[in-house]
Amino acid sequence: MLRINHAILHVFDFTSCVNVFSQGELDLESKLVKNYVIKHVNKAFGNIDNKRGEFAPDSMFAAELKSYFAGDRNFIDLSIQIAEFIATELGRMSKSESTDLLVVDFEEEQKLDGGSSSEEAIEASFEGKVNRYFGIFLLESRQAFMHSIGYSEDGTPCNEIERHHAILPNPSQKISSFAVINMRNLDVAFQDKKRVIAGEERWLIPDGLLQCSMQASSKEVIDELTRIVEEVATEYGADPVVSLSKAKAYVCESADEDEEVDIAPFDLAQEVFEDEPLRERFVACTVEEQIPERVRVEKKAAERITRNHKIRTDTGIEITFPSEYANNPDFIEFASTPNGLISIELKNIGHIENRR
């Protein structure tokens, strides 16, 4: 659940070569405006593909942001400073795309006591401890076609089709470039794409604007760890399905306790593999792949990626089951048959329904 404190929109129109830096904030009393902002912030905020970053010690942006959080900088002034930098950088591209810059100061509350959703309960929840964030979103305009109503020389109606060059992304559409900074610890979550600026390939958000590091996303970390688990299990003749399910269950259970969890490859190996050679091989592979001794994973990403495990047999049968069941013979059991094939037994089923 989010509460928007401030939001402002700046326009970079490279088609008409006119940039408009707003001197006033968006009207959050408008339900249409507020819902549009909240939907885009929500979609970016909870994205499992978000990369992580830490500000460089000499990051000028971090210094400006600290001043803002301390109350020494004005929201509109800071947003214009950001807009001027981004407009200048985008203007140095050989083919610049018209873009709107949405800057948002927002707060997030994980859960309301009792599950109430009334306005009074929502306001009361924000009187306590909240997480506050600063968001920067590049809304790339897209071309669209629209009807145009006109009249011919003799005054008769004459409808035409025209192209519109400044259509904002739909609330359900993914944004390719944005950053969200946590006020409490200055952790950075972002996504970006490489751009050729002044003939040089660059990352505009992390390198240019924020001056922060670029670390793997939670999804990338989990994907890499599970890939190594599967490869090690296959190499040593262990069941890759069971091993992979154990790994997912461990990550998911660890994330249940906190919003973020540090996964240690060594601890993961202890949970997944019973034999020491497999554990040692797994840890060695993580070192070869330059995976840190502890990697941070967000709860949302862990739950979404690891809660269920899906398998497909060579006979075309697909089965999806909770990862934690893989090592529980009361629910599902994998066994090797004398002819070298694999049998799967599902147990303690009270009801079966068709799913479309």
Protein backbone atom coordinates (compact mmCIF):
# COMPACT_ATOMS: atom_id res chain seq x y z
CA MET A 1 0.00 0.00 0.00
CA LEU A 2 1.42 3.35 -1.03
CA ARG A 3 0.87 6.97 -0.12
CA ILE A 4 2.12 9.59 -2.56
CA ASN A 5 3.58 12.64 -0.81
CA HIS A 6 4.77 14.55 -3.89
CA ALA A 7 4.70 13.91 -7.63
CA ILE A 8 5.74 16.04 -10.59
CA LEU A 9 5.94 15.53 -14.36
CA HIS A 10 8.53 17.11 -16.67
CA VAL A 11 8.28 16.88 -20.47
CA PHE A 12 11.14 16.35 -22.95
CA ASP A 13 9.69 16.74 -26.45
CA PHE A 14 12.53 16.08 -28.87
CA THR A 15 10.13 16.11 -31.83
CA SER A 16 9.34 19.80 -31.39
CA CYS A 17 12.64 20.47 -29.56
CA VAL A 18 10.77 21.92 -26.57
CA ASN A 19 11.37 20.85 -22.96
CA VAL A 20 8.86 21.91 -20.34
CA PHE A 21 10.05 21.78 -16.72
CA SER A 22 6.99 21.95 -14.51
CA GLN A 23 6.92 24.56 -11.73
CA GLY A 24 4.06 22.85 -9.93
CA GLU A 25 3.32 19.36 -8.62
CA LEU A 26 0.73 16.99 -10.05
CA ASP A 27 -2.77 17.32 -8.62
CA LEU A 28 -3.03 14.25 -6.42
CA GLU A 29 -6.60 15.17 -5.54
CA SER A 30 -7.48 13.98 -9.03
CA LYS A 31 -8.30 10.29 -8.82
CA LEU A 32 -7.16 9.77 -12.41
CA VAL A 33 -3.74 11.34 -11.77
CA LYS A 34 -3.25 9.65 -8.41
CA ASN A 35 -4.18 6.19 -9.73
CA TYR A 36 -1.88 6.60 -12.74
CA VAL A 37 1.08 7.50 -10.52
CA ILE A 38 0.39 4.77 -7.96
CA LYS A 39 0.05 2.05 -10.59
CA HIS A 40 3.35 2.90 -12.25
CA VAL A 41 5.13 3.19 -8.89
CA ASN A 42 3.66 -0.11 -7.69
CA LYS A 43 4.62 -1.93 -10.89
CA ALA A 44 8.22 -0.70 -10.73
CA PHE A 45 8.54 -0.96 -6.95
CA GLY A 46 7.73 -4.66 -6.75
CA ASN A 47 9.50 -5.80 -9.92
CA ILE A 48 11.66 -8.89 -9.34
CA ASP A 49 13.95 -7.85 -12.20
CA ASN A 50 15.09 -4.71 -10.39
CA LYS A 51 18.85 -4.46 -10.11
CA ARG A 52 20.41 -3.24 -6.88
CA GLY A 53 22.96 -0.53 -6.34
CA GLU A 54 24.95 1.36 -3.75
CA PHE A 55 25.93 4.99 -4.13
CA ALA A 56 29.60 5.73 -4.75
CA PRO A 57 31.21 7.61 -1.84
CA ASP A 58 31.55 10.71 -4.03
CA SER A 59 28.08 10.50 -5.60
CA MET A 60 26.77 14.03 -6.02
CA PHE A 61 23.23 12.75 -6.41
CA ALA A 62 23.38 10.96 -3.04
CA ALA A 63 24.47 14.22 -1.39
CA GLU A 64 21.56 16.12 -2.97
CA LEU A 65 19.13 13.39 -1.93
CA LYS A 66 20.35 13.45 1.68
CA SER A 67 19.80 17.20 1.72
CA TYR A 68 16.27 16.70 0.44
CA PHE A 69 15.44 14.03 3.02
CA ALA A 70 16.84 16.33 5.71
CA GLY A 71 14.48 19.08 4.58
CA ASP A 72 17.18 21.33 3.11
CA ARG A 73 16.07 20.89 -0.52
CA ASN A 74 12.76 21.68 -2.16
CA PHE A 75 11.04 18.80 -4.00
CA ILE A 76 10.25 20.81 -7.14
CA ASP A 77 13.76 22.30 -7.34
CA LEU A 78 15.41 18.90 -6.96
CA SER A 79 13.13 17.36 -9.58
CA ILE A 80 13.98 20.16 -12.04
CA GLN A 81 17.69 19.60 -11.43
CA ILE A 82 17.20 15.91 -12.25
CA ALA A 83 15.12 16.79 -15.31
CA GLU A 84 17.74 19.21 -16.64
CA PHE A 85 20.46 16.56 -16.39
CA ILE A 86 18.40 13.83 -18.07
CA ALA A 87 17.15 16.16 -20.81
CA THR A 88 20.73 17.21 -21.57
CA GLU A 89 21.93 13.60 -21.75
CA LEU A 90 19.03 12.41 -23.89
CA GLY A 91 19.53 15.41 -26.16
CA ARG A 92 23.07 14.22 -26.91
CA MET A 93 21.72 11.05 -28.53
CA SER A 94 21.65 10.84 -32.32
CA LYS A 95 17.98 9.84 -32.17
CA SER A 96 16.30 11.01 -28.99
CA GLU A 97 12.92 9.64 -28.00
CA SER A 98 10.42 12.05 -26.49
CA THR A 99 10.16 11.24 -22.80
CA ASP A 100 8.30 12.43 -19.73
CA LEU A 101 10.05 12.36 -16.37
CA LEU A 102 7.93 11.42 -13.37
CA VAL A 103 9.51 12.14 -9.98
CA VAL A 104 7.72 10.82 -6.89
CA ASP A 105 8.20 10.99 -3.12
CA PHE A 106 6.17 8.16 -1.63
CA GLU A 107 5.73 6.00 1.45
CA GLU A 108 4.96 2.33 1.77
CA GLU A 109 3.17 0.44 4.51
CA GLN A 110 3.30 -3.35 4.28
CA LYS A 111 0.14 -4.29 6.13
CA LEU A 112 -2.71 -2.77 8.09
CA ASP A 113 -3.68 -4.30 11.44
CA GLY A 114 -6.87 -6.25 11.07
CA GLY A 115 -6.80 -5.93 7.31
CA SER A 116 -8.90 -2.76 7.35
CA SER A 117 -8.89 -0.66 4.21
CA SER A 118 -10.93 2.36 5.35
CA GLU A 119 -9.55 5.86 4.76
CA GLU A 120 -9.26 6.40 8.53
CA ALA A 121 -7.31 3.17 8.98
CA ILE A 122 -5.03 3.99 6.09
CA GLU A 123 -4.22 7.43 7.47
CA ALA A 124 -3.68 5.98 10.94
CA SER A 125 -1.26 3.38 9.62
CA PHE A 126 0.96 6.12 8.23
CA GLU A 127 1.29 7.80 11.61
CA GLY A 128 3.62 5.02 12.70
CA LYS A 129 6.82 3.72 11.21
CA VAL A 130 6.83 3.84 7.42
CA ASN A 131 9.30 3.27 4.63
CA ARG A 132 9.86 6.37 2.52
CA TYR A 133 11.22 6.35 -1.02
CA PHE A 134 12.25 8.68 -3.81
CA GLY A 135 11.34 7.49 -7.30
CA ILE A 136 12.51 8.60 -10.74
CA PHE A 137 10.62 7.20 -13.74
CA LEU A 138 11.35 7.80 -17.43
CA LEU A 139 8.05 7.52 -19.30
CA GLU A 140 8.99 7.11 -22.94
CA SER A 141 6.34 8.45 -25.26
CA ARG A 142 5.00 6.21 -27.98
CA GLN A 143 3.36 6.94 -31.28
CA ALA A 144 -0.32 6.24 -31.71
CA PHE A 145 -3.03 6.96 -34.23
CA MET A 146 -6.08 9.04 -33.49
CA HIS A 147 -9.10 10.33 -35.36
CA SER A 148 -9.34 13.96 -36.37
CA ILE A 149 -12.70 15.63 -36.98
CA GLY A 150 -12.68 18.41 -39.57
CA TYR A 151 -14.67 19.96 -42.34
CA SER A 152 -14.14 20.22 -46.07
CA GLU A 153 -14.25 23.48 -48.00
CA ASP A 154 -17.99 23.20 -48.53
CA GLY A 155 -18.55 22.70 -44.79
CA THR A 156 -19.34 19.00 -44.78
CA PRO A 157 -17.84 16.86 -41.98
CA CYS A 158 -14.61 15.13 -43.00
CA ASN A 159 -12.90 12.74 -40.58
CA GLU A 160 -9.21 11.95 -40.88
CA ILE A 161 -6.58 9.74 -39.26
CA GLU A 162 -3.58 11.43 -37.67
CA ARG A 163 -0.48 10.33 -35.79
CA HIS A 164 0.07 11.44 -32.20
CA HIS A 165 3.67 11.48 -30.97
CA ALA A 166 3.24 11.97 -27.21
CA ILE A 167 1.22 9.11 -25.73
CA LEU A 168 2.22 8.16 -22.18
CA PRO A 169 2.72 4.48 -21.24
CA ASN A 170 -0.39 2.71 -20.02
CA PRO A 171 -0.45 1.96 -16.26
CA SER A 172 -0.07 -1.75 -17.06
CA GLN A 173 2.94 -1.17 -19.32
CA LYS A 174 6.47 -1.88 -18.11
CA ILE A 175 8.86 1.05 -17.78
CA SER A 176 12.38 0.30 -18.98
CA SER A 177 14.23 3.03 -17.04
CA PHE A 178 13.55 4.01 -13.44
CA ALA A 179 15.12 4.16 -9.99
CA VAL A 180 13.70 3.90 -6.48
CA ILE A 181 15.84 4.97 -3.51
CA ASN A 182 15.11 3.93 0.08
CA MET A 183 15.32 6.93 2.39
CA ARG A 184 16.43 4.97 5.45
CA ASN A 185 19.48 3.21 4.04
CA LEU A 186 19.90 4.78 0.56
CA ASP A 187 19.60 1.36 -1.08
CA VAL A 188 18.90 1.71 -4.79
CA ALA A 189 16.62 -0.45 -6.93
CA PHE A 190 16.57 0.33 -10.63
CA GLN A 191 16.19 -0.79 -14.21
CA ASP A 192 17.78 0.79 -17.24
CA LYS A 193 18.88 0.12 -20.80
CA LYS A 194 22.08 1.04 -22.58
CA ARG A 195 21.93 4.21 -24.65
CA VAL A 196 24.43 5.63 -27.11
CA ILE A 197 25.04 9.14 -25.75
CA ALA A 198 27.50 11.37 -27.63
CA GLY A 199 28.77 8.29 -29.46
CA GLU A 200 29.43 6.33 -26.25
CA GLU A 201 27.37 3.43 -24.93
CA ARG A 202 26.24 4.28 -21.39
CA TRP A 203 23.85 3.41 -18.59
CA LEU A 204 22.03 6.70 -17.99
CA ILE A 205 20.44 5.89 -14.61
CA PRO A 206 23.21 4.17 -12.57
CA ASP A 207 26.31 5.70 -14.20
CA GLY A 208 25.12 9.12 -15.25
CA LEU A 209 22.43 10.25 -12.81
CA LEU A 210 22.90 8.29 -9.60
CA GLN A 211 26.58 7.35 -9.73
CA CYS A 212 25.92 3.99 -8.10
CA SER A 213 27.04 0.40 -8.55
CA MET A 214 25.05 -2.13 -10.58
CA GLN A 215 24.43 -5.45 -8.86
CA ALA A 216 22.38 -8.44 -9.96
CA SER A 217 18.65 -8.47 -9.33
CA SER A 218 17.08 -10.89 -6.86
CA LYS A 219 15.74 -12.90 -9.79
CA GLU A 220 19.19 -13.11 -11.40
CA VAL A 221 20.75 -14.24 -8.12
CA ILE A 222 18.15 -16.94 -7.53
CA ASP A 223 18.32 -18.10 -11.15
CA GLU A 224 22.11 -18.39 -10.95
CA LEU A 225 22.08 -20.32 -7.65
CA THR A 226 19.39 -22.74 -8.81
CA ARG A 227 21.21 -23.29 -12.11
CA ILE A 228 24.37 -24.30 -10.22
CA VAL A 229 22.35 -26.58 -7.91
CA GLU A 230 20.90 -28.39 -10.91
CA GLU A 231 24.27 -28.73 -12.65
CA VAL A 232 26.02 -30.09 -9.54
CA ALA A 233 23.21 -32.56 -8.83
CA THR A 234 23.32 -33.83 -12.42
CA GLU A 235 27.13 -34.06 -12.39
CA TYR A 236 27.17 -36.23 -9.24
CA GLY A 237 24.15 -38.38 -10.07
CA ALA A 238 21.78 -36.83 -7.54
CA ASP A 239 18.14 -36.14 -8.39
CA PRO A 240 18.12 -32.62 -9.87
CA VAL A 241 14.37 -32.24 -9.31
CA VAL A 242 14.62 -32.91 -5.57
CA SER A 243 17.80 -30.85 -5.22
CA LEU A 244 16.33 -27.88 -7.05
CA SER A 245 13.12 -28.06 -5.05
CA LYS A 246 15.10 -28.12 -1.80
CA ALA A 247 17.02 -25.04 -2.88
CA LYS A 248 13.83 -23.17 -3.72
CA ALA A 249 12.21 -24.21 -0.44
CA TYR A 250 15.23 -23.00 1.53
CA VAL A 251 15.19 -19.58 -0.13
CA CYS A 252 11.42 -19.23 0.25
CA GLU A 253 11.42 -20.25 3.92
CA SER A 254 14.30 -17.90 4.69
CA ALA A 255 12.43 -14.98 3.11
CA ASP A 256 9.31 -15.65 5.18
CA GLU A 257 11.01 -14.19 8.22
CA ASP A 258 12.15 -10.81 6.88
CA GLU A 259 11.52 -8.40 4.02
CA GLU A 260 15.04 -9.17 2.81
CA VAL A 261 17.26 -12.13 3.47
CA ASP A 262 20.95 -12.76 2.98
CA ILE A 263 21.50 -16.13 1.32
CA ALA A 264 24.89 -17.74 1.93
CA PRO A 265 25.84 -20.29 -0.75
CA PHE A 266 27.56 -22.38 1.96
CA ASP A 267 24.34 -22.58 4.02
CA LEU A 268 22.32 -23.35 0.90
CA ALA A 269 24.64 -26.24 0.09
CA GLN A 270 24.17 -27.67 3.59
CA GLU A 271 20.39 -27.67 3.14
CA VAL A 272 20.32 -29.08 -0.38
CA PHE A 273 23.07 -31.71 -0.55
CA GLU A 274 23.57 -34.53 1.93
CA ASP A 275 27.03 -35.54 0.71
CA GLU A 276 30.10 -33.41 1.36
CA PRO A 277 31.57 -33.71 -2.17
CA LEU A 278 28.43 -32.14 -3.64
CA ARG A 279 28.50 -29.35 -1.08
CA GLU A 280 32.11 -28.58 -1.81
CA ARG A 281 31.52 -28.64 -5.54
CA PHE A 282 28.55 -26.27 -5.24
CA VAL A 283 30.50 -23.74 -3.16
CA ALA A 284 33.43 -23.99 -5.58
CA CYS A 285 31.10 -23.25 -8.51
CA THR A 286 29.67 -20.18 -6.78
CA VAL A 287 33.22 -18.91 -6.25
CA GLU A 288 34.02 -19.50 -9.92
CA GLU A 289 30.87 -17.56 -10.90
CA GLN A 290 31.94 -14.75 -8.53
CA ILE A 291 28.81 -15.01 -6.39
CA PRO A 292 29.41 -13.22 -3.06
CA GLU A 293 29.58 -15.15 0.20
CA ARG A 294 26.25 -13.57 1.11
CA VAL A 295 23.73 -12.31 -1.42
CA ARG A 296 20.66 -10.25 -0.55
CA VAL A 297 17.30 -11.37 -1.90
CA GLU A 298 14.03 -9.49 -1.55
CA LYS A 299 11.07 -11.30 -0.01
CA LYS A 300 8.72 -10.59 -2.93
CA ALA A 301 11.16 -12.02 -5.43
CA ALA A 302 11.93 -15.07 -3.30
CA GLU A 303 8.28 -15.92 -2.80
CA ARG A 304 7.32 -15.42 -6.42
CA ILE A 305 10.22 -17.40 -7.89
CA THR A 306 10.71 -20.20 -5.38
CA ARG A 307 7.34 -20.95 -3.81
CA ASN A 308 6.38 -23.48 -6.52
CA HIS A 309 8.39 -25.89 -8.62
CA LYS A 310 7.33 -26.98 -12.09
CA ILE A 311 8.53 -30.08 -13.91
CA ARG A 312 7.82 -31.52 -17.33
CA THR A 313 8.41 -35.16 -18.20
CA ASP A 314 9.52 -36.52 -21.57
CA THR A 315 6.03 -37.98 -21.86
CA GLY A 316 4.56 -34.47 -21.92
CA ILE A 317 3.13 -34.46 -18.38
CA GLU A 318 3.56 -31.21 -16.43
CA ILE A 319 3.33 -31.01 -12.64
CA THR A 320 3.51 -27.91 -10.44
CA PHE A 321 3.87 -28.38 -6.70
CA PRO A 322 5.01 -26.37 -3.65
CA SER A 323 8.81 -26.55 -3.45
CA GLU A 324 8.68 -27.62 0.20
CA TYR A 325 6.86 -30.85 -0.79
CA ALA A 326 9.80 -32.14 -2.84
CA ASN A 327 11.46 -33.63 0.21
CA ASN A 328 8.25 -34.72 1.91
CA PRO A 329 7.24 -38.29 0.96
CA ASP A 330 3.80 -37.70 2.52
CA PHE A 331 2.84 -35.61 -0.52
CA ILE A 332 5.09 -36.46 -3.46
CA GLU A 333 7.75 -39.12 -3.96
CA PHE A 334 10.24 -39.69 -6.76
CA ALA A 335 11.66 -43.19 -7.24
CA SER A 336 13.94 -44.90 -9.74
CA THR A 337 12.52 -48.09 -11.21
CA PRO A 338 14.59 -51.21 -12.08
CA ASN A 339 14.40 -50.38 -15.80
CA GLY A 340 16.14 -47.04 -15.18
CA LEU A 341 13.03 -44.89 -15.49
CA ILE A 342 11.53 -42.55 -12.91
CA SER A 343 8.16 -42.87 -11.22
CA ILE A 344 6.34 -40.03 -9.47
CA GLU A 345 3.75 -40.77 -6.79
CA LEU A 346 1.34 -38.10 -5.51
CA LYS A 347 -0.07 -38.91 -2.06
CA ASN A 348 -2.77 -37.88 0.44
CA ILE A 349 -4.92 -36.14 -2.16
CA GLY A 350 -8.43 -35.40 -0.96
CA HIS A 351 -9.80 -33.75 -4.07
CA ILE A 352 -8.80 -33.18 -7.70
CA GLU A 353 -10.21 -30.46 -9.93
CA ASN A 354 -9.67 -29.58 -13.56
CA ARG A 355 -7.72 -26.36 -14.23
CA ARG A 356 -7.88 -24.38 -17.44
